Amino acid sequence: MARVFIYGTLKRGQPNHKVLLDGANGRAAFQGRGRTVEPYPLVIAGEHNIPWLLNLPGQGRRVAGEIYVVDEQMLSFLDEFEGCPDMYQRTPVRVTVLEWEGRQGTPEEMPATDGTLQCFVYSTASYAPEWVRLPHHDSYDSRGEHGLPYNPRENR
């Protein structure tokens, strides 16, 4: 089992969340909501208005998202779904827990005493240099006030 921090189109209520619910892809269990300990640039870029977490820790904003525990099958599926390692790279990130709904009982599955967790996140180190200058967001919603609606894969 692995912990994954979801900040974009895979979150509940977003266009790609259904892949986390599909048992054919493996198992994913919602654990709670969190925010990155360090700031990162979360930008919306490209012709399909995709949310990207640029792997530039210390820049941008502390990004809000959801914490999931996934099995190996789901982790492999997510790697493929996210185009890892070419488009996104799966990297570790520290997340401050804002709301915890996890039901795990072992100490290594619970938040640390400081309320943080180590999670994997799909961020990118391979982006166009001008993306750093795009507006940085602290949260993502495909129908947000940013006015950049996500173009789902099935419409491309």
C-alpha atoms as a PDB file:
ATOM      1  CA  MET A   1       0.000   0.000   0.000  1.00  0.00           C
ATOM      2  CA  ALA A   2       1.183   3.512  -0.804  1.00  0.00           C
ATOM      3  CA  ARG A   3      -0.080   6.973   0.045  1.00  0.00           C
ATOM      4  CA  VAL A   4      -0.791   9.359  -2.847  1.00  0.00           C
ATOM      5  CA  PHE A   5      -1.571  13.084  -2.646  1.00  0.00           C
ATOM      6  CA  ILE A   6      -4.092  14.072  -5.343  1.00  0.00           C
ATOM      7  CA  TYR A   7      -4.401  17.775  -6.249  1.00  0.00           C
ATOM      8  CA  GLY A   8      -5.994  17.901  -9.732  1.00  0.00           C
ATOM      9  CA  THR A   9      -8.480  16.125 -11.985  1.00  0.00           C
ATOM     10  CA  LEU A  10      -8.419  12.916  -9.900  1.00  0.00           C
ATOM     11  CA  LYS A  11      -9.968  14.602  -6.816  1.00  0.00           C
ATOM     12  CA  ARG A  12     -13.569  13.927  -5.832  1.00  0.00           C
ATOM     13  CA  GLY A  13     -15.963  15.910  -8.025  1.00  0.00           C
ATOM     14  CA  GLN A  14     -13.362  16.316 -10.785  1.00  0.00           C
ATOM     15  CA  PRO A  15     -13.439  14.814 -14.319  1.00  0.00           C
ATOM     16  CA  ASN A  16     -11.004  11.919 -13.787  1.00  0.00           C
ATOM     17  CA  HIS A  17     -12.034  10.835 -10.278  1.00  0.00           C
ATOM     18  CA  LYS A  18     -13.905   7.860 -11.749  1.00  0.00           C
ATOM     19  CA  VAL A  19     -10.612   6.032 -12.419  1.00  0.00           C
ATOM     20  CA  LEU A  20      -9.941   5.894  -8.663  1.00  0.00           C
ATOM     21  CA  LEU A  21     -13.345   4.285  -8.134  1.00  0.00           C
ATOM     22  CA  ASP A  22     -12.895   1.627 -10.833  1.00  0.00           C
ATOM     23  CA  GLY A  23     -11.900  -1.613  -9.099  1.00  0.00           C
ATOM     24  CA  ALA A  24     -10.450  -2.912 -12.372  1.00  0.00           C
ATOM     25  CA  ASN A  25      -7.621  -0.375 -11.866  1.00  0.00           C
ATOM     26  CA  GLY A  26      -6.900  -1.529  -8.312  1.00  0.00           C
ATOM     27  CA  ARG A  27      -7.919  -0.191  -4.940  1.00  0.00           C
ATOM     28  CA  ALA A  28      -7.906   3.418  -3.713  1.00  0.00           C
ATOM     29  CA  ALA A  29      -9.239   4.511  -0.334  1.00  0.00           C
ATOM     30  CA  PHE A  30      -9.812   8.173   0.551  1.00  0.00           C
ATOM     31  CA  GLN A  31      -8.005   9.051   3.790  1.00  0.00           C
ATOM     32  CA  GLY A  32      -8.502  12.774   4.175  1.00  0.00           C
ATOM     33  CA  ARG A  33      -7.644  16.246   2.987  1.00  0.00           C
ATOM     34  CA  GLY A  34      -4.252  17.871   3.199  1.00  0.00           C
ATOM     35  CA  ARG A  35      -1.946  20.634   2.041  1.00  0.00           C
ATOM     36  CA  THR A  36       1.682  20.419   0.978  1.00  0.00           C
ATOM     37  CA  VAL A  37       4.104  21.405   3.744  1.00  0.00           C
ATOM     38  CA  GLU A  38       6.256  23.277   1.239  1.00  0.00           C
ATOM     39  CA  PRO A  39       4.877  25.591  -1.422  1.00  0.00           C
ATOM     40  CA  TYR A  40       4.879  24.425  -5.056  1.00  0.00           C
ATOM     41  CA  PRO A  41       3.726  26.141  -8.249  1.00  0.00           C
ATOM     42  CA  LEU A  42       0.371  24.631  -9.255  1.00  0.00           C
ATOM     43  CA  VAL A  43      -0.384  25.937 -12.739  1.00  0.00           C
ATOM     44  CA  ILE A  44      -2.961  25.249 -15.434  1.00  0.00           C
ATOM     45  CA  ALA A  45      -1.257  24.900 -18.796  1.00  0.00           C
ATOM     46  CA  GLY A  46      -1.321  23.420 -22.268  1.00  0.00           C
ATOM     47  CA  GLU A  47      -4.042  23.189 -24.875  1.00  0.00           C
ATOM     48  CA  HIS A  48      -6.208  20.965 -22.614  1.00  0.00           C
ATOM     49  CA  ASN A  49      -5.908  23.152 -19.462  1.00  0.00           C
ATOM     50  CA  ILE A  50      -4.228  20.437 -17.409  1.00  0.00           C
ATOM     51  CA  PRO A  51      -3.241  21.161 -13.783  1.00  0.00           C
ATOM     52  CA  TRP A  52       0.507  20.706 -13.275  1.00  0.00           C
ATOM     53  CA  LEU A  53       2.423  20.695 -10.005  1.00  0.00           C
ATOM     54  CA  LEU A  54       5.875  21.962 -10.974  1.00  0.00           C
ATOM     55  CA  ASN A  55       8.628  20.237  -9.024  1.00  0.00           C
ATOM     56  CA  LEU A  56       9.997  23.481  -7.616  1.00  0.00           C
ATOM     57  CA  PRO A  57       9.676  23.095  -3.835  1.00  0.00           C
ATOM     58  CA  GLY A  58       9.797  26.422  -2.004  1.00  0.00           C
ATOM     59  CA  GLN A  59       8.129  28.353  -4.841  1.00  0.00           C
ATOM     60  CA  GLY A  60       4.417  28.953  -5.403  1.00  0.00           C
ATOM     61  CA  ARG A  61       1.803  28.137  -2.777  1.00  0.00           C
ATOM     62  CA  ARG A  62       0.989  25.376  -0.327  1.00  0.00           C
ATOM     63  CA  VAL A  63      -1.289  23.201  -2.446  1.00  0.00           C
ATOM     64  CA  ALA A  64      -4.516  21.638  -1.128  1.00  0.00           C
ATOM     65  CA  GLY A  65      -5.607  18.164  -2.141  1.00  0.00           C
ATOM     66  CA  GLU A  66      -6.759  14.723  -1.083  1.00  0.00           C
ATOM     67  CA  ILE A  67      -4.860  11.834   0.466  1.00  0.00           C
ATOM     68  CA  TYR A  68      -5.474   8.270  -0.737  1.00  0.00           C
ATOM     69  CA  VAL A  69      -4.045   4.896   0.162  1.00  0.00           C
ATOM     70  CA  VAL A  70      -3.673   2.789  -2.988  1.00  0.00           C
ATOM     71  CA  ASP A  71      -2.588  -0.771  -3.659  1.00  0.00           C
ATOM     72  CA  GLU A  72       0.258  -1.685  -6.036  1.00  0.00           C
ATOM     73  CA  GLN A  73      -2.155  -2.307  -8.918  1.00  0.00           C
ATOM     74  CA  MET A  74      -3.666   1.190  -8.581  1.00  0.00           C
ATOM     75  CA  LEU A  75      -0.216   2.756  -8.189  1.00  0.00           C
ATOM     76  CA  SER A  76       0.901   1.097 -11.440  1.00  0.00           C
ATOM     77  CA  PHE A  77      -2.313   2.242 -13.122  1.00  0.00           C
ATOM     78  CA  LEU A  78      -1.774   5.821 -11.900  1.00  0.00           C
ATOM     79  CA  ASP A  79       1.828   5.776 -13.166  1.00  0.00           C
ATOM     80  CA  GLU A  80       0.548   4.886 -16.625  1.00  0.00           C
ATOM     81  CA  PHE A  81      -2.451   7.259 -16.430  1.00  0.00           C
ATOM     82  CA  GLU A  82      -0.165  10.163 -15.455  1.00  0.00           C
ATOM     83  CA  GLY A  83       2.390   9.375 -18.162  1.00  0.00           C
ATOM     84  CA  CYS A  84       5.068   8.620 -15.576  1.00  0.00           C
ATOM     85  CA  PRO A  85       7.986   9.197 -15.906  1.00  0.00           C
ATOM     86  CA  ASP A  86       7.800  11.306 -19.105  1.00  0.00           C
ATOM     87  CA  MET A  87       4.912  13.704 -18.458  1.00  0.00           C
ATOM     88  CA  TYR A  88       4.786  13.534 -14.654  1.00  0.00           C
ATOM     89  CA  GLN A  89       7.210  12.027 -12.181  1.00  0.00           C
ATOM     90  CA  ARG A  90       6.080  10.292  -8.995  1.00  0.00           C
ATOM     91  CA  THR A  91       7.944  12.035  -6.188  1.00  0.00           C
ATOM     92  CA  PRO A  92       7.660  12.070  -2.381  1.00  0.00           C
ATOM     93  CA  VAL A  93       6.136  15.098  -0.693  1.00  0.00           C
ATOM     94  CA  ARG A  94       5.269  15.989   2.918  1.00  0.00           C
ATOM     95  CA  VAL A  95       1.616  16.816   3.457  1.00  0.00           C
ATOM     96  CA  THR A  96      -0.016  18.512   6.453  1.00  0.00           C
ATOM     97  CA  VAL A  97      -3.245  16.706   7.306  1.00  0.00           C
ATOM     98  CA  LEU A  98      -6.224  19.091   7.436  1.00  0.00           C
ATOM     99  CA  GLU A  99      -8.954  16.497   7.902  1.00  0.00           C
ATOM    100  CA  TRP A 100      -8.373  12.792   8.588  1.00  0.00           C
ATOM    101  CA  GLU A 101     -10.934  10.100   7.819  1.00  0.00           C
ATOM    102  CA  GLY A 102      -8.463   7.185   7.578  1.00  0.00           C
ATOM    103  CA  ARG A 103      -9.400   4.008   9.351  1.00  0.00           C
ATOM    104  CA  GLN A 104      -5.916   2.398   9.519  1.00  0.00           C
ATOM    105  CA  GLY A 105      -4.744   1.358  12.941  1.00  0.00           C
ATOM    106  CA  THR A 106      -0.983   0.889  12.628  1.00  0.00           C
ATOM    107  CA  PRO A 107       1.258   3.827  13.590  1.00  0.00           C
ATOM    108  CA  GLU A 108       2.990   3.973  10.174  1.00  0.00           C
ATOM    109  CA  GLU A 109      -0.385   4.473   8.480  1.00  0.00           C
ATOM    110  CA  MET A 110      -1.445   7.374  10.698  1.00  0.00           C
ATOM    111  CA  PRO A 111      -0.313  11.010  10.539  1.00  0.00           C
ATOM    112  CA  ALA A 112       2.857  11.819  12.491  1.00  0.00           C
ATOM    113  CA  THR A 113       2.520  13.637  15.798  1.00  0.00           C
ATOM    114  CA  ASP A 114       3.125  16.913  13.943  1.00  0.00           C
ATOM    115  CA  GLY A 115       0.111  16.139  11.721  1.00  0.00           C
ATOM    116  CA  THR A 116       2.117  15.407   8.575  1.00  0.00           C
ATOM    117  CA  LEU A 117       2.386  12.439   6.215  1.00  0.00           C
ATOM    118  CA  GLN A 118       4.816  11.371   3.521  1.00  0.00           C
ATOM    119  CA  CYS A 119       2.914  10.826   0.248  1.00  0.00           C
ATOM    120  CA  PHE A 120       3.683  10.321  -3.398  1.00  0.00           C
ATOM    121  CA  VAL A 121       2.611  13.115  -5.720  1.00  0.00           C
ATOM    122  CA  TYR A 122       2.630  13.375  -9.505  1.00  0.00           C
ATOM    123  CA  SER A 123       4.642  16.502 -10.209  1.00  0.00           C
ATOM    124  CA  THR A 124       6.713  17.479 -13.218  1.00  0.00           C
ATOM    125  CA  ALA A 125      10.261  18.616 -13.761  1.00  0.00           C
ATOM    126  CA  SER A 126       9.770  18.623 -17.540  1.00  0.00           C
ATOM    127  CA  TYR A 127       7.765  21.720 -18.408  1.00  0.00           C
ATOM    128  CA  ALA A 128       8.044  24.774 -20.632  1.00  0.00           C
ATOM    129  CA  PRO A 129      10.081  27.500 -18.857  1.00  0.00           C
ATOM    130  CA  GLU A 130       7.264  30.053 -19.245  1.00  0.00           C
ATOM    131  CA  TRP A 131       4.952  27.897 -17.086  1.00  0.00           C
ATOM    132  CA  VAL A 132       6.738  29.169 -13.972  1.00  0.00           C
ATOM    133  CA  ARG A 133       5.310  32.632 -14.742  1.00  0.00           C
ATOM    134  CA  LEU A 134       1.696  31.394 -15.041  1.00  0.00           C
ATOM    135  CA  PRO A 135      -0.666  32.141 -12.128  1.00  0.00           C
ATOM    136  CA  HIS A 136      -0.032  29.842  -9.164  1.00  0.00           C
ATOM    137  CA  HIS A 137      -3.051  28.232  -7.488  1.00  0.00           C
ATOM    138  CA  ASP A 138      -3.411  26.810  -3.992  1.00  0.00           C
ATOM    139  CA  SER A 139      -6.304  24.570  -5.016  1.00  0.00           C
ATOM    140  CA  TYR A 140      -7.651  23.161  -8.278  1.00  0.00           C
ATOM    141  CA  ASP A 141     -11.190  22.856  -9.588  1.00  0.00           C
ATOM    142  CA  SER A 142     -11.760  22.131 -13.282  1.00  0.00           C
ATOM    143  CA  ARG A 143     -14.649  24.620 -13.237  1.00  0.00           C
ATOM    144  CA  GLY A 144     -12.902  27.192 -11.058  1.00  0.00           C
ATOM    145  CA  GLU A 145     -12.781  30.972 -11.296  1.00  0.00           C
ATOM    146  CA  HIS A 146      -9.577  30.679 -13.345  1.00  0.00           C
ATOM    147  CA  GLY A 147     -11.781  30.291 -16.461  1.00  0.00           C
ATOM    148  CA  LEU A 148      -9.640  27.473 -17.887  1.00  0.00           C
ATOM    149  CA  PRO A 149     -11.962  24.447 -18.095  1.00  0.00           C
ATOM    150  CA  TYR A 150     -10.226  21.082 -18.340  1.00  0.00           C
ATOM    151  CA  ASN A 151     -10.680  19.280 -21.646  1.00  0.00           C
ATOM    152  CA  PRO A 152     -11.330  15.621 -20.719  1.00  0.00           C
ATOM    153  CA  ARG A 153      -9.341  12.886 -22.483  1.00  0.00           C
ATOM    154  CA  GLU A 154     -12.477  11.467 -24.099  1.00  0.00           C
ATOM    155  CA  ASN A 155     -13.039  14.824 -25.910  1.00  0.00           C
ATOM    156  CA  ARG A 156      -9.545  15.113 -27.376  1.00  0.00           C
END
